[in-house]
Amino acid sequence: MNLPDTPLERVRRTRERAEELGRAADRATDPEHRQRLREKARRLLREEIEGPAGPEAR
């Protein structure tokens, strides 16, 4: 079953993905990999707030 892709659903999935990346970063043993995962999680959350085009699109 395909559920509608509402903005609220996209936000929920984005936050869940960022949380998953954060947990993966906590488990990572390589400091560089840990840092990349944390940056990716932050980028996802930042894009959620600013929108995919970034702040210059406003």
N, C-alpha and C. Protein backbone atom coordinates (compact mmCIF):
# COMPACT_ATOMS: atom_id res chain seq x y z
N MET A 1 0.84 -1.18 0.00
CA MET A 1 0.00 0.00 0.00
C MET A 1 0.88 1.24 0.00
N ASN A 2 0.59 2.17 -0.89
CA ASN A 2 1.36 3.40 -1.01
C ASN A 2 0.62 4.53 -0.30
N LEU A 3 1.22 5.06 0.74
CA LEU A 3 0.60 6.16 1.47
C LEU A 3 0.97 7.48 0.81
N PRO A 4 0.11 8.49 0.93
CA PRO A 4 0.43 9.79 0.34
C PRO A 4 1.66 10.40 1.00
N ASP A 5 2.46 11.09 0.20
CA ASP A 5 3.68 11.70 0.70
C ASP A 5 3.38 13.14 1.10
N THR A 6 2.88 13.30 2.31
CA THR A 6 2.54 14.63 2.80
C THR A 6 3.78 15.31 3.38
N PRO A 7 3.77 16.63 3.47
CA PRO A 7 4.91 17.32 4.08
C PRO A 7 5.21 16.83 5.49
N LEU A 8 4.16 16.56 6.26
CA LEU A 8 4.35 16.08 7.62
C LEU A 8 5.05 14.72 7.63
N GLU A 9 4.66 13.85 6.71
CA GLU A 9 5.28 12.53 6.60
C GLU A 9 6.75 12.65 6.19
N ARG A 10 7.05 13.56 5.28
CA ARG A 10 8.44 13.77 4.86
C ARG A 10 9.30 14.25 6.03
N VAL A 11 8.75 15.15 6.83
CA VAL A 11 9.47 15.67 8.01
C VAL A 11 9.74 14.54 8.99
N ARG A 12 8.73 13.71 9.22
CA ARG A 12 8.90 12.59 10.16
C ARG A 12 10.00 11.64 9.66
N ARG A 13 9.97 11.31 8.38
CA ARG A 13 10.98 10.40 7.83
C ARG A 13 12.38 11.01 7.87
N THR A 14 12.47 12.31 7.59
CA THR A 14 13.77 12.99 7.64
C THR A 14 14.34 12.96 9.05
N ARG A 15 13.50 13.22 10.03
CA ARG A 15 13.96 13.20 11.43
C ARG A 15 14.38 11.79 11.85
N GLU A 16 13.60 10.81 11.42
CA GLU A 16 13.96 9.43 11.74
C GLU A 16 15.30 9.07 11.12
N ARG A 17 15.53 9.48 9.88
CA ARG A 17 16.79 9.19 9.20
C ARG A 17 17.95 9.88 9.92
N ALA A 18 17.75 11.12 10.33
CA ALA A 18 18.80 11.85 11.06
C ALA A 18 19.11 11.15 12.39
N GLU A 19 18.07 10.65 13.06
CA GLU A 19 18.29 9.92 14.32
C GLU A 19 19.06 8.63 14.06
N GLU A 20 18.73 7.94 12.97
CA GLU A 20 19.45 6.71 12.62
C GLU A 20 20.92 7.01 12.36
N LEU A 21 21.19 8.10 11.65
CA LEU A 21 22.57 8.48 11.37
C LEU A 21 23.31 8.82 12.67
N GLY A 22 22.63 9.48 13.58
CA GLY A 22 23.24 9.80 14.88
C GLY A 22 23.58 8.55 15.66
N ARG A 23 22.67 7.56 15.66
CA ARG A 23 22.96 6.30 16.35
C ARG A 23 24.11 5.56 15.68
N ALA A 24 24.15 5.60 14.35
CA ALA A 24 25.26 4.96 13.63
C ALA A 24 26.58 5.65 13.97
N ALA A 25 26.54 6.97 14.10
CA ALA A 25 27.75 7.71 14.47
C ALA A 25 28.22 7.32 15.87
N ASP A 26 27.27 7.10 16.77
CA ASP A 26 27.63 6.68 18.13
C ASP A 26 28.32 5.32 18.12
N ARG A 27 27.93 4.45 17.18
CA ARG A 27 28.52 3.11 17.11
C ARG A 27 29.82 3.06 16.31
N ALA A 28 30.06 4.07 15.47
CA ALA A 28 31.23 4.06 14.60
C ALA A 28 32.52 4.12 15.42
N THR A 29 33.50 3.35 14.98
CA THR A 29 34.77 3.33 15.69
C THR A 29 35.79 4.28 15.06
N ASP A 30 35.66 4.54 13.78
CA ASP A 30 36.58 5.44 13.08
C ASP A 30 36.12 6.89 13.30
N PRO A 31 36.97 7.74 13.88
CA PRO A 31 36.56 9.12 14.16
C PRO A 31 36.13 9.89 12.90
N GLU A 32 36.80 9.65 11.77
CA GLU A 32 36.43 10.36 10.54
C GLU A 32 35.05 9.93 10.06
N HIS A 33 34.78 8.65 10.14
CA HIS A 33 33.46 8.15 9.73
C HIS A 33 32.38 8.68 10.67
N ARG A 34 32.67 8.70 11.94
CA ARG A 34 31.73 9.25 12.93
C ARG A 34 31.39 10.70 12.59
N GLN A 35 32.43 11.47 12.28
CA GLN A 35 32.23 12.89 11.94
C GLN A 35 31.39 13.05 10.68
N ARG A 36 31.65 12.24 9.65
CA ARG A 36 30.87 12.32 8.40
C ARG A 36 29.40 11.99 8.65
N LEU A 37 29.14 10.98 9.47
CA LEU A 37 27.75 10.61 9.78
C LEU A 37 27.04 11.74 10.53
N ARG A 38 27.72 12.34 11.49
CA ARG A 38 27.11 13.44 12.24
C ARG A 38 26.83 14.65 11.34
N GLU A 39 27.77 14.94 10.42
CA GLU A 39 27.56 16.05 9.49
C GLU A 39 26.38 15.78 8.57
N LYS A 40 26.24 14.55 8.13
CA LYS A 40 25.12 14.20 7.26
C LYS A 40 23.80 14.36 8.01
N ALA A 41 23.76 13.95 9.27
CA ALA A 41 22.54 14.11 10.07
C ALA A 41 22.21 15.59 10.24
N ARG A 42 23.21 16.40 10.54
CA ARG A 42 22.98 17.84 10.70
C ARG A 42 22.48 18.46 9.40
N ARG A 43 23.08 18.04 8.28
CA ARG A 43 22.67 18.57 6.97
C ARG A 43 21.20 18.23 6.67
N LEU A 44 20.80 17.00 6.99
CA LEU A 44 19.40 16.61 6.77
C LEU A 44 18.46 17.50 7.58
N LEU A 45 18.79 17.71 8.84
CA LEU A 45 17.94 18.52 9.70
C LEU A 45 17.94 19.98 9.26
N ARG A 46 19.09 20.48 8.84
CA ARG A 46 19.18 21.86 8.36
C ARG A 46 18.33 22.05 7.10
N GLU A 47 18.39 21.08 6.18
CA GLU A 47 17.60 21.16 4.95
C GLU A 47 16.11 21.10 5.27
N GLU A 48 15.75 20.35 6.30
CA GLU A 48 14.34 20.26 6.70
C GLU A 48 13.84 21.64 7.14
N ILE A 49 14.67 22.37 7.86
CA ILE A 49 14.28 23.68 8.36
C ILE A 49 14.30 24.73 7.24
N GLU A 50 15.39 24.72 6.45
CA GLU A 50 15.58 25.74 5.42
C GLU A 50 14.88 25.40 4.11
N GLY A 51 14.61 24.14 3.89
CA GLY A 51 14.07 23.71 2.61
C GLY A 51 15.22 23.19 1.76
N PRO A 52 14.94 22.41 0.73
CA PRO A 52 16.00 21.77 -0.05
C PRO A 52 16.88 22.77 -0.80
N ALA A 53 16.39 23.96 -1.11
CA ALA A 53 17.19 24.94 -1.86
C ALA A 53 18.05 25.80 -0.94
N GLY A 54 17.85 25.71 0.35
CA GLY A 54 18.65 26.48 1.29
C GLY A 54 18.02 27.84 1.58
N PRO A 55 18.70 28.63 2.41
CA PRO A 55 18.13 29.91 2.84
C PRO A 55 18.02 30.92 1.70
N GLU A 56 18.85 30.81 0.66
CA GLU A 56 18.80 31.79 -0.42
C GLU A 56 17.53 31.69 -1.25
N ALA A 57 16.77 30.61 -1.11
CA ALA A 57 15.54 30.43 -1.87
C ALA A 57 14.38 31.25 -1.29
N ARG A 58 14.56 31.75 -0.09
CA ARG A 58 13.46 32.51 0.57
C ARG A 58 13.42 33.93 0.14
